[in-house]
Amino acid sequence: MCADLFDKPDETQPRTHYCPRCRNPMRRIIGKMGPFWGCTSYPACDKKLYDLDGKPSDTPDERYRCPVCTRPLVRAETKTGEDRGPDRGPDRAKGNYWYCTGYNKGCKVTLPDDHGKPADAWRCPRCGHLLKQRRGKNGVFWGCSQYPLCTASFSDMGGKPKGPGFE
């Protein structure tokens, strides 16, 4: 009976993750681009790691890829923590979202969060860039992300652009 108590890990205590560079504990930080792990000995050690399901990781989550450059997408958590999936409409100022890990290399793709996964992305049939859900004076519509270079726009039908090829 006593042996059983010592064989099981203590689930009530959070597991400590250690910095691969200096071996000090790491902590999960909610930054403006989402959660990441940073060394507690900062600024002496500036090691940062991606957050993968609440644990530190050297590589980003490979499950979801950018629809433009195919680099991994990373989920950014906002302080409100609200999903801004298709049911939330084009309100981009609130809630969680996904961004491309190639953001610093010029790929500025961001997608709304759809309950823990990136929302579907739709391509503009005229120029091939992504469509964005927007709010206009006549309600919600889909417009090309390259506006004003491309002026394509489509009506919204249940969170999807309405038209041929968007089924």
N, C-alpha and C. Protein backbone atom coordinates (compact mmCIF):
# COMPACT_ATOMS: atom_id res chain seq x y z
N MET A 1 0.83 -1.20 0.00
CA MET A 1 0.00 0.00 0.00
C MET A 1 0.87 1.26 0.00
N CYS A 2 1.90 1.28 0.85
CA CYS A 2 2.78 2.45 0.91
C CYS A 2 3.56 2.63 -0.38
N ALA A 3 3.93 1.53 -1.01
CA ALA A 3 4.71 1.61 -2.25
C ALA A 3 3.88 2.28 -3.35
N ASP A 4 2.56 2.05 -3.36
CA ASP A 4 1.71 2.66 -4.38
C ASP A 4 1.72 4.18 -4.28
N LEU A 5 1.79 4.71 -3.09
CA LEU A 5 1.78 6.15 -2.91
C LEU A 5 3.03 6.80 -3.50
N PHE A 6 4.15 6.13 -3.41
CA PHE A 6 5.40 6.71 -3.88
C PHE A 6 5.65 6.47 -5.37
N ASP A 7 4.96 5.52 -5.97
CA ASP A 7 5.17 5.21 -7.38
C ASP A 7 4.44 6.17 -8.32
N LYS A 8 3.39 6.82 -7.84
CA LYS A 8 2.59 7.70 -8.69
C LYS A 8 3.14 9.12 -8.65
N PRO A 9 3.20 9.79 -9.80
CA PRO A 9 3.66 11.18 -9.80
C PRO A 9 2.62 12.08 -9.14
N ASP A 10 3.08 13.15 -8.54
CA ASP A 10 2.19 14.11 -7.89
C ASP A 10 1.57 15.01 -8.96
N GLU A 11 0.29 14.79 -9.26
CA GLU A 11 -0.39 15.55 -10.31
C GLU A 11 -0.79 16.95 -9.84
N THR A 12 -0.73 17.21 -8.54
CA THR A 12 -1.15 18.52 -8.04
C THR A 12 -0.06 19.56 -8.22
N GLN A 13 1.19 19.17 -8.31
CA GLN A 13 2.30 20.10 -8.47
C GLN A 13 2.61 20.29 -9.96
N PRO A 14 2.75 21.55 -10.40
CA PRO A 14 3.10 21.76 -11.80
C PRO A 14 4.52 21.26 -12.09
N ARG A 15 4.69 20.65 -13.25
CA ARG A 15 6.00 20.14 -13.63
C ARG A 15 6.90 21.30 -14.01
N THR A 16 8.13 21.29 -13.52
CA THR A 16 9.08 22.34 -13.83
C THR A 16 9.83 21.99 -15.11
N HIS A 17 9.93 22.96 -16.00
CA HIS A 17 10.69 22.79 -17.24
C HIS A 17 11.95 23.63 -17.11
N TYR A 18 13.06 23.07 -17.56
CA TYR A 18 14.35 23.73 -17.38
C TYR A 18 14.91 24.23 -18.71
N CYS A 19 15.61 25.33 -18.64
CA CYS A 19 16.23 25.96 -19.81
C CYS A 19 17.32 25.04 -20.37
N PRO A 20 17.29 24.76 -21.67
CA PRO A 20 18.33 23.90 -22.25
C PRO A 20 19.70 24.57 -22.29
N ARG A 21 19.75 25.88 -22.15
CA ARG A 21 21.02 26.60 -22.21
C ARG A 21 21.68 26.71 -20.84
N CYS A 22 20.94 27.15 -19.81
CA CYS A 22 21.57 27.41 -18.51
C CYS A 22 21.03 26.53 -17.38
N ARG A 23 20.03 25.70 -17.66
CA ARG A 23 19.43 24.74 -16.71
C ARG A 23 18.62 25.40 -15.60
N ASN A 24 18.31 26.68 -15.69
CA ASN A 24 17.42 27.33 -14.73
C ASN A 24 15.97 27.05 -15.15
N PRO A 25 15.01 27.20 -14.23
CA PRO A 25 13.62 26.96 -14.59
C PRO A 25 13.14 27.93 -15.67
N MET A 26 12.18 27.47 -16.46
CA MET A 26 11.55 28.33 -17.47
C MET A 26 10.13 28.64 -17.01
N ARG A 27 9.59 29.75 -17.52
CA ARG A 27 8.21 30.09 -17.19
C ARG A 27 7.44 30.43 -18.46
N ARG A 28 6.15 30.15 -18.42
CA ARG A 28 5.28 30.43 -19.57
C ARG A 28 4.84 31.89 -19.49
N ILE A 29 5.04 32.60 -20.59
CA ILE A 29 4.74 34.03 -20.66
C ILE A 29 3.72 34.25 -21.77
N ILE A 30 2.72 35.07 -21.49
CA ILE A 30 1.75 35.45 -22.52
C ILE A 30 2.23 36.77 -23.11
N GLY A 31 2.79 36.72 -24.31
CA GLY A 31 3.29 37.91 -24.99
C GLY A 31 2.27 38.44 -25.98
N LYS A 32 2.59 39.53 -26.64
CA LYS A 32 1.65 40.13 -27.59
C LYS A 32 1.42 39.25 -28.82
N MET A 33 2.33 38.33 -29.12
CA MET A 33 2.16 37.40 -30.24
C MET A 33 1.79 36.00 -29.75
N GLY A 34 1.34 35.88 -28.50
CA GLY A 34 0.92 34.59 -27.99
C GLY A 34 1.85 34.06 -26.92
N PRO A 35 1.56 32.87 -26.38
CA PRO A 35 2.37 32.32 -25.30
C PRO A 35 3.71 31.79 -25.80
N PHE A 36 4.71 31.90 -24.94
CA PHE A 36 6.02 31.33 -25.19
C PHE A 36 6.66 31.04 -23.85
N TRP A 37 7.79 30.36 -23.86
CA TRP A 37 8.51 30.05 -22.63
C TRP A 37 9.81 30.83 -22.61
N GLY A 38 10.09 31.47 -21.48
CA GLY A 38 11.31 32.24 -21.31
C GLY A 38 12.06 31.80 -20.07
N CYS A 39 13.37 31.93 -20.11
CA CYS A 39 14.21 31.55 -18.98
C CYS A 39 14.02 32.53 -17.83
N THR A 40 13.97 32.01 -16.61
CA THR A 40 13.78 32.87 -15.44
C THR A 40 15.03 33.66 -15.09
N SER A 41 16.16 33.33 -15.70
CA SER A 41 17.39 34.09 -15.41
C SER A 41 17.60 35.23 -16.42
N TYR A 42 16.54 35.60 -17.17
CA TYR A 42 16.63 36.73 -18.09
C TYR A 42 16.97 37.98 -17.29
N PRO A 43 17.87 38.85 -17.71
CA PRO A 43 18.52 38.99 -19.00
C PRO A 43 19.85 38.24 -19.15
N ALA A 44 20.31 37.56 -18.10
CA ALA A 44 21.56 36.81 -18.22
C ALA A 44 21.43 35.71 -19.28
N CYS A 45 20.27 35.07 -19.35
CA CYS A 45 20.00 34.06 -20.37
C CYS A 45 18.71 34.46 -21.08
N ASP A 46 18.79 34.67 -22.38
CA ASP A 46 17.61 35.13 -23.12
C ASP A 46 16.97 34.03 -23.97
N LYS A 47 17.13 32.77 -23.55
CA LYS A 47 16.58 31.64 -24.29
C LYS A 47 15.05 31.68 -24.26
N LYS A 48 14.44 31.52 -25.45
CA LYS A 48 12.98 31.47 -25.57
C LYS A 48 12.62 30.21 -26.34
N LEU A 49 11.48 29.61 -25.98
CA LEU A 49 10.98 28.42 -26.65
C LEU A 49 9.52 28.61 -27.01
N TYR A 50 9.06 27.91 -28.05
CA TYR A 50 7.65 27.93 -28.42
C TYR A 50 6.83 27.23 -27.35
N ASP A 51 5.54 27.58 -27.30
CA ASP A 51 4.61 26.88 -26.43
C ASP A 51 3.85 25.86 -27.27
N LEU A 52 3.93 24.60 -26.89
CA LEU A 52 3.25 23.52 -27.61
C LEU A 52 2.36 22.78 -26.61
N ASP A 53 1.08 23.08 -26.64
CA ASP A 53 0.11 22.47 -25.72
C ASP A 53 0.50 22.67 -24.26
N GLY A 54 0.97 23.87 -23.93
CA GLY A 54 1.32 24.20 -22.55
C GLY A 54 2.69 23.74 -22.11
N LYS A 55 3.51 23.25 -23.03
CA LYS A 55 4.86 22.79 -22.70
C LYS A 55 5.86 23.48 -23.63
N PRO A 56 7.10 23.70 -23.16
CA PRO A 56 8.10 24.33 -24.03
C PRO A 56 8.55 23.40 -25.15
N SER A 57 8.83 23.99 -26.31
CA SER A 57 9.27 23.21 -27.47
C SER A 57 10.24 24.04 -28.31
N ASP A 58 11.29 23.39 -28.83
CA ASP A 58 12.23 24.07 -29.72
C ASP A 58 11.61 24.40 -31.07
N THR A 59 10.64 23.62 -31.48
CA THR A 59 10.01 23.83 -32.79
C THR A 59 8.54 24.17 -32.61
N PRO A 60 7.99 24.97 -33.52
CA PRO A 60 6.56 25.29 -33.42
C PRO A 60 5.71 24.07 -33.74
N ASP A 61 4.44 24.16 -33.41
CA ASP A 61 3.48 23.10 -33.70
C ASP A 61 3.40 22.89 -35.21
N GLU A 62 3.58 21.66 -35.65
CA GLU A 62 3.59 21.36 -37.09
C GLU A 62 2.22 20.95 -37.61
N ARG A 63 1.19 20.93 -36.76
CA ARG A 63 -0.13 20.46 -37.20
C ARG A 63 -0.79 21.39 -38.21
N TYR A 64 -0.57 22.70 -38.05
CA TYR A 64 -1.24 23.67 -38.91
C TYR A 64 -0.21 24.48 -39.68
N ARG A 65 -0.42 24.61 -40.98
CA ARG A 65 0.52 25.28 -41.87
C ARG A 65 -0.11 26.54 -42.47
N CYS A 66 0.75 27.51 -42.76
CA CYS A 66 0.33 28.75 -43.41
C CYS A 66 -0.18 28.43 -44.81
N PRO A 67 -1.35 28.95 -45.18
CA PRO A 67 -1.87 28.66 -46.52
C PRO A 67 -1.11 29.36 -47.64
N VAL A 68 -0.22 30.31 -47.30
CA VAL A 68 0.53 31.04 -48.32
C VAL A 68 1.94 30.48 -48.48
N CYS A 69 2.70 30.39 -47.38
CA CYS A 69 4.12 29.99 -47.49
C CYS A 69 4.40 28.59 -46.93
N THR A 70 3.45 27.93 -46.35
CA THR A 70 3.50 26.58 -45.75
C THR A 70 4.37 26.48 -44.50
N ARG A 71 4.80 27.59 -43.93
CA ARG A 71 5.50 27.53 -42.64
C ARG A 71 4.47 27.22 -41.55
N PRO A 72 4.92 26.75 -40.37
CA PRO A 72 3.97 26.45 -39.29
C PRO A 72 3.25 27.71 -38.80
N LEU A 73 2.00 27.54 -38.39
CA LEU A 73 1.23 28.60 -37.76
C LEU A 73 1.34 28.46 -36.25
N VAL A 74 1.31 29.58 -35.55
CA VAL A 74 1.39 29.60 -34.09
C VAL A 74 0.14 30.30 -33.56
N ARG A 75 -0.45 29.73 -32.52
CA ARG A 75 -1.66 30.32 -31.92
C ARG A 75 -1.25 31.40 -30.92
N ALA A 76 -1.81 32.56 -31.10
CA ALA A 76 -1.57 33.67 -30.19
C ALA A 76 -2.76 33.81 -29.26
N GLU A 77 -2.49 33.87 -27.96
CA GLU A 77 -3.55 34.03 -26.97
C GLU A 77 -3.59 35.47 -26.51
N THR A 78 -4.77 36.05 -26.53
CA THR A 78 -4.93 37.40 -26.03
C THR A 78 -5.29 37.35 -24.55
N LYS A 79 -5.23 38.49 -23.92
CA LYS A 79 -5.53 38.54 -22.49
C LYS A 79 -6.98 38.16 -22.20
N THR A 80 -7.89 38.47 -23.14
CA THR A 80 -9.30 38.09 -22.93
C THR A 80 -9.50 36.60 -23.16
N GLY A 81 -8.66 36.00 -24.01
CA GLY A 81 -8.73 34.57 -24.26
C GLY A 81 -9.95 34.11 -25.02
N GLU A 82 -10.67 35.05 -25.65
CA GLU A 82 -11.89 34.68 -26.37
C GLU A 82 -11.54 34.22 -27.77
N ASP A 83 -12.22 33.16 -28.21
CA ASP A 83 -12.07 32.74 -29.60
C ASP A 83 -12.75 33.76 -30.49
N ARG A 84 -12.17 34.01 -31.65
CA ARG A 84 -12.84 34.87 -32.61
C ARG A 84 -13.03 34.11 -33.90
N GLY A 85 -13.67 32.98 -33.76
CA GLY A 85 -13.91 32.09 -34.90
C GLY A 85 -14.96 32.65 -35.83
N PRO A 86 -15.43 31.83 -36.75
CA PRO A 86 -16.38 32.29 -37.74
C PRO A 86 -17.66 32.87 -37.14
N ASP A 87 -18.07 32.37 -35.97
CA ASP A 87 -19.29 32.87 -35.35
C ASP A 87 -19.12 34.27 -34.76
N ARG A 88 -17.87 34.73 -34.61
CA ARG A 88 -17.65 36.06 -34.05
C ARG A 88 -17.58 37.13 -35.13
N GLY A 89 -17.60 36.74 -36.38
CA GLY A 89 -17.58 37.73 -37.45
C GLY A 89 -16.20 38.35 -37.65
N PRO A 90 -16.16 39.51 -38.28
CA PRO A 90 -14.88 40.11 -38.65
C PRO A 90 -14.25 40.94 -37.55
N ASP A 91 -14.66 40.76 -36.31
CA ASP A 91 -14.10 41.54 -35.21
C ASP A 91 -12.70 41.05 -34.90
N ARG A 92 -11.70 41.65 -35.50
CA ARG A 92 -10.31 41.20 -35.37
C ARG A 92 -9.62 41.79 -34.14
N ALA A 93 -10.26 42.70 -33.45
CA ALA A 93 -9.61 43.37 -32.33
C ALA A 93 -9.65 42.55 -31.05
N LYS A 94 -10.43 41.49 -31.01
CA LYS A 94 -10.58 40.71 -29.78
C LYS A 94 -10.34 39.25 -30.05
N GLY A 95 -9.87 38.54 -29.05
CA GLY A 95 -9.79 37.09 -29.12
C GLY A 95 -8.49 36.54 -29.66
N ASN A 96 -8.39 35.22 -29.61
CA ASN A 96 -7.20 34.50 -30.05
C ASN A 96 -7.13 34.45 -31.57
N TYR A 97 -5.91 34.27 -32.08
CA TYR A 97 -5.72 34.18 -33.52
C TYR A 97 -4.47 33.36 -33.82
N TRP A 98 -4.20 33.09 -35.07
CA TRP A 98 -3.03 32.33 -35.52
C TRP A 98 -2.19 33.22 -36.43
N TYR A 99 -0.88 33.14 -36.31
CA TYR A 99 0.00 33.90 -37.20
C TYR A 99 1.09 32.99 -37.74
N CYS A 100 1.63 33.36 -38.87
CA CYS A 100 2.65 32.57 -39.55
C CYS A 100 4.01 32.78 -38.88
N THR A 101 4.79 31.69 -38.72
CA THR A 101 6.13 31.82 -38.14
C THR A 101 7.08 32.54 -39.10
N GLY A 102 6.66 32.74 -40.33
CA GLY A 102 7.44 33.51 -41.28
C GLY A 102 7.09 34.99 -41.27
N TYR A 103 6.43 35.45 -40.21
CA TYR A 103 5.99 36.85 -40.11
C TYR A 103 7.17 37.80 -40.27
N ASN A 104 8.30 37.50 -39.60
CA ASN A 104 9.48 38.36 -39.68
C ASN A 104 10.16 38.27 -41.05
N LYS A 105 9.82 37.27 -41.83
CA LYS A 105 10.41 37.09 -43.16
C LYS A 105 9.48 37.59 -44.26
N GLY A 106 8.42 38.29 -43.88
CA GLY A 106 7.54 38.91 -44.86
C GLY A 106 6.18 38.28 -45.04
N CYS A 107 5.92 37.12 -44.47
CA CYS A 107 4.60 36.50 -44.60
C CYS A 107 3.72 37.00 -43.45
N LYS A 108 2.82 37.90 -43.74
CA LYS A 108 2.02 38.57 -42.72
C LYS A 108 0.65 37.93 -42.51
N VAL A 109 0.53 36.64 -42.78
CA VAL A 109 -0.75 35.95 -42.68
C VAL A 109 -1.16 35.79 -41.22
N THR A 110 -2.38 36.20 -40.91
CA THR A 110 -3.01 35.92 -39.62
C THR A 110 -4.40 35.36 -39.91
N LEU A 111 -4.79 34.38 -39.12
CA LEU A 111 -6.10 33.75 -39.29
C LEU A 111 -6.82 33.75 -37.95
N PRO A 112 -8.13 33.91 -37.96
CA PRO A 112 -8.87 33.84 -36.70
C PRO A 112 -8.82 32.44 -36.11
N ASP A 113 -8.99 32.36 -34.80
CA ASP A 113 -9.01 31.08 -34.11
C ASP A 113 -10.43 30.52 -34.16
N ASP A 114 -10.54 29.28 -34.56
CA ASP A 114 -11.84 28.61 -34.62
C ASP A 114 -11.85 27.49 -33.60
N HIS A 115 -12.01 27.86 -32.32
CA HIS A 115 -12.07 26.91 -31.21
C HIS A 115 -10.84 26.01 -31.16
N GLY A 116 -9.64 26.61 -31.17
CA GLY A 116 -8.40 25.87 -31.00
C GLY A 116 -7.70 25.47 -32.28
N LYS A 117 -8.23 25.84 -33.43
CA LYS A 117 -7.55 25.57 -34.70
C LYS A 117 -7.74 26.78 -35.61
N PRO A 118 -6.87 26.95 -36.61
CA PRO A 118 -7.04 28.10 -37.50
C PRO A 118 -8.32 27.99 -38.32
N ALA A 119 -9.00 29.12 -38.50
CA ALA A 119 -10.20 29.14 -39.34
C ALA A 119 -9.81 28.90 -40.80
N ASP A 120 -10.77 28.45 -41.59
CA ASP A 120 -10.52 28.21 -43.02
C ASP A 120 -10.07 29.49 -43.71
N ALA A 121 -9.14 29.34 -44.65
CA ALA A 121 -8.67 30.47 -45.45
C ALA A 121 -9.22 30.31 -46.86
N TRP A 122 -9.61 31.42 -47.46
CA TRP A 122 -10.16 31.42 -48.81
C TRP A 122 -9.28 32.30 -49.69
N ARG A 123 -8.99 31.82 -50.90
CA ARG A 123 -8.15 32.57 -51.85
C ARG A 123 -9.01 33.40 -52.80
N CYS A 124 -8.47 34.56 -53.15
CA CYS A 124 -9.13 35.44 -54.11
C CYS A 124 -9.02 34.81 -55.51
N PRO A 125 -10.14 34.64 -56.21
CA PRO A 125 -10.07 34.04 -57.54
C PRO A 125 -9.39 34.94 -58.58
N ARG A 126 -9.29 36.24 -58.31
CA ARG A 126 -8.65 37.15 -59.26
C ARG A 126 -7.13 37.15 -59.14
N CYS A 127 -6.61 37.27 -57.91
CA CYS A 127 -5.15 37.44 -57.75
C CYS A 127 -4.48 36.30 -56.98
N GLY A 128 -5.24 35.46 -56.29
CA GLY A 128 -4.66 34.33 -55.58
C GLY A 128 -4.28 34.60 -54.14
N HIS A 129 -4.36 35.85 -53.67
CA HIS A 129 -4.07 36.15 -52.27
C HIS A 129 -5.27 35.77 -51.40
N LEU A 130 -5.10 35.87 -50.08
CA LEU A 130 -6.18 35.47 -49.17
C LEU A 130 -7.27 36.53 -49.09
N LEU A 131 -8.50 36.05 -48.88
CA LEU A 131 -9.62 36.94 -48.63
C LEU A 131 -9.73 37.19 -47.13
N LYS A 132 -10.20 38.38 -46.76
CA LYS A 132 -10.42 38.72 -45.35
C LYS A 132 -11.89 39.07 -45.16
N GLN A 133 -12.42 38.63 -44.04
CA GLN A 133 -13.80 38.98 -43.71
C GLN A 133 -13.78 40.39 -43.14
N ARG A 134 -14.62 41.25 -43.68
CA ARG A 134 -14.64 42.66 -43.28
C ARG A 134 -16.08 43.10 -43.01
N ARG A 135 -16.19 44.24 -42.33
CA ARG A 135 -17.50 44.81 -42.04
C ARG A 135 -17.61 46.14 -42.77
N GLY A 136 -18.65 46.28 -43.58
CA GLY A 136 -18.88 47.52 -44.32
C GLY A 136 -20.21 48.13 -43.94
N LYS A 137 -20.57 49.21 -44.62
CA LYS A 137 -21.82 49.90 -44.28
C LYS A 137 -23.06 49.04 -44.57
N ASN A 138 -22.91 48.05 -45.47
CA ASN A 138 -24.02 47.15 -45.79
C ASN A 138 -23.90 45.80 -45.10
N GLY A 139 -23.02 45.68 -44.13
CA GLY A 139 -22.87 44.42 -43.40
C GLY A 139 -21.53 43.75 -43.68
N VAL A 140 -21.47 42.47 -43.35
CA VAL A 140 -20.24 41.69 -43.47
C VAL A 140 -20.04 41.24 -44.92
N PHE A 141 -18.79 41.31 -45.39
CA PHE A 141 -18.44 40.84 -46.73
C PHE A 141 -17.01 40.33 -46.71
N TRP A 142 -16.58 39.72 -47.80
CA TRP A 142 -15.21 39.23 -47.96
C TRP A 142 -14.51 40.07 -49.02
N GLY A 143 -13.33 40.60 -48.67
CA GLY A 143 -12.55 41.40 -49.60
C GLY A 143 -11.14 40.87 -49.70
N CYS A 144 -10.48 41.14 -50.80
CA CYS A 144 -9.11 40.68 -51.02
C CYS A 144 -8.16 41.37 -50.05
N SER A 145 -7.21 40.62 -49.51
CA SER A 145 -6.23 41.18 -48.58
C SER A 145 -5.27 42.14 -49.27
N GLN A 146 -5.27 42.17 -50.61
CA GLN A 146 -4.38 43.06 -51.36
C GLN A 146 -5.06 44.37 -51.77
N TYR A 147 -6.25 44.64 -51.22
CA TYR A 147 -6.93 45.89 -51.51
C TYR A 147 -6.01 47.05 -51.14
N PRO A 148 -5.83 48.07 -51.93
CA PRO A 148 -6.56 48.50 -53.12
C PRO A 148 -6.00 47.95 -54.45
N LEU A 149 -4.94 47.15 -54.41
CA LEU A 149 -4.40 46.59 -55.66
C LEU A 149 -5.39 45.65 -56.33
N CYS A 150 -6.14 44.90 -55.52
CA CYS A 150 -7.18 44.01 -56.04
C CYS A 150 -8.48 44.37 -55.32
N THR A 151 -9.50 44.69 -56.08
CA THR A 151 -10.76 45.17 -55.49
C THR A 151 -11.85 44.10 -55.46
N ALA A 152 -11.47 42.84 -55.56
CA ALA A 152 -12.46 41.76 -55.53
C ALA A 152 -13.17 41.73 -54.18
N SER A 153 -14.48 41.55 -54.21
CA SER A 153 -15.25 41.42 -52.97
C SER A 153 -16.40 40.44 -53.20
N PHE A 154 -16.81 39.78 -52.12
CA PHE A 154 -17.83 38.74 -52.19
C PHE A 154 -18.74 38.86 -50.97
N SER A 155 -20.01 38.54 -51.17
CA SER A 155 -20.97 38.54 -50.06
C SER A 155 -20.61 37.44 -49.07
N ASP A 156 -21.07 37.62 -47.83
CA ASP A 156 -20.85 36.61 -46.79
C ASP A 156 -22.06 35.69 -46.72
N MET A 157 -21.80 34.39 -46.66
CA MET A 157 -22.88 33.43 -46.53
C MET A 157 -22.50 32.43 -45.43
N GLY A 158 -22.92 32.71 -44.21
CA GLY A 158 -22.66 31.81 -43.09
C GLY A 158 -21.18 31.67 -42.74
N GLY A 159 -20.42 32.75 -42.82
CA GLY A 159 -19.00 32.71 -42.48
C GLY A 159 -18.10 32.29 -43.63
N LYS A 160 -18.66 32.16 -44.84
CA LYS A 160 -17.87 31.82 -46.03
C LYS A 160 -18.18 32.84 -47.12
N PRO A 161 -17.22 33.05 -48.04
CA PRO A 161 -17.55 33.91 -49.17
C PRO A 161 -18.58 33.23 -50.08
N LYS A 162 -19.48 34.02 -50.63
CA LYS A 162 -20.52 33.48 -51.50
C LYS A 162 -20.09 33.65 -52.95
N GLY A 163 -20.12 32.55 -53.68
CA GLY A 163 -19.75 32.61 -55.09
C GLY A 163 -19.24 31.26 -55.57
N PRO A 164 -18.97 31.14 -56.87
CA PRO A 164 -18.48 29.87 -57.41
C PRO A 164 -17.09 29.55 -56.86
N GLY A 165 -16.89 28.30 -56.49
CA GLY A 165 -15.59 27.86 -55.98
C GLY A 165 -15.42 27.98 -54.48
N PHE A 166 -16.41 28.51 -53.76
CA PHE A 166 -16.29 28.68 -52.31
C PHE A 166 -17.15 27.68 -51.54
N GLU A 167 -17.61 26.62 -52.17
CA GLU A 167 -18.49 25.66 -51.50
C GLU A 167 -17.74 24.88 -50.47
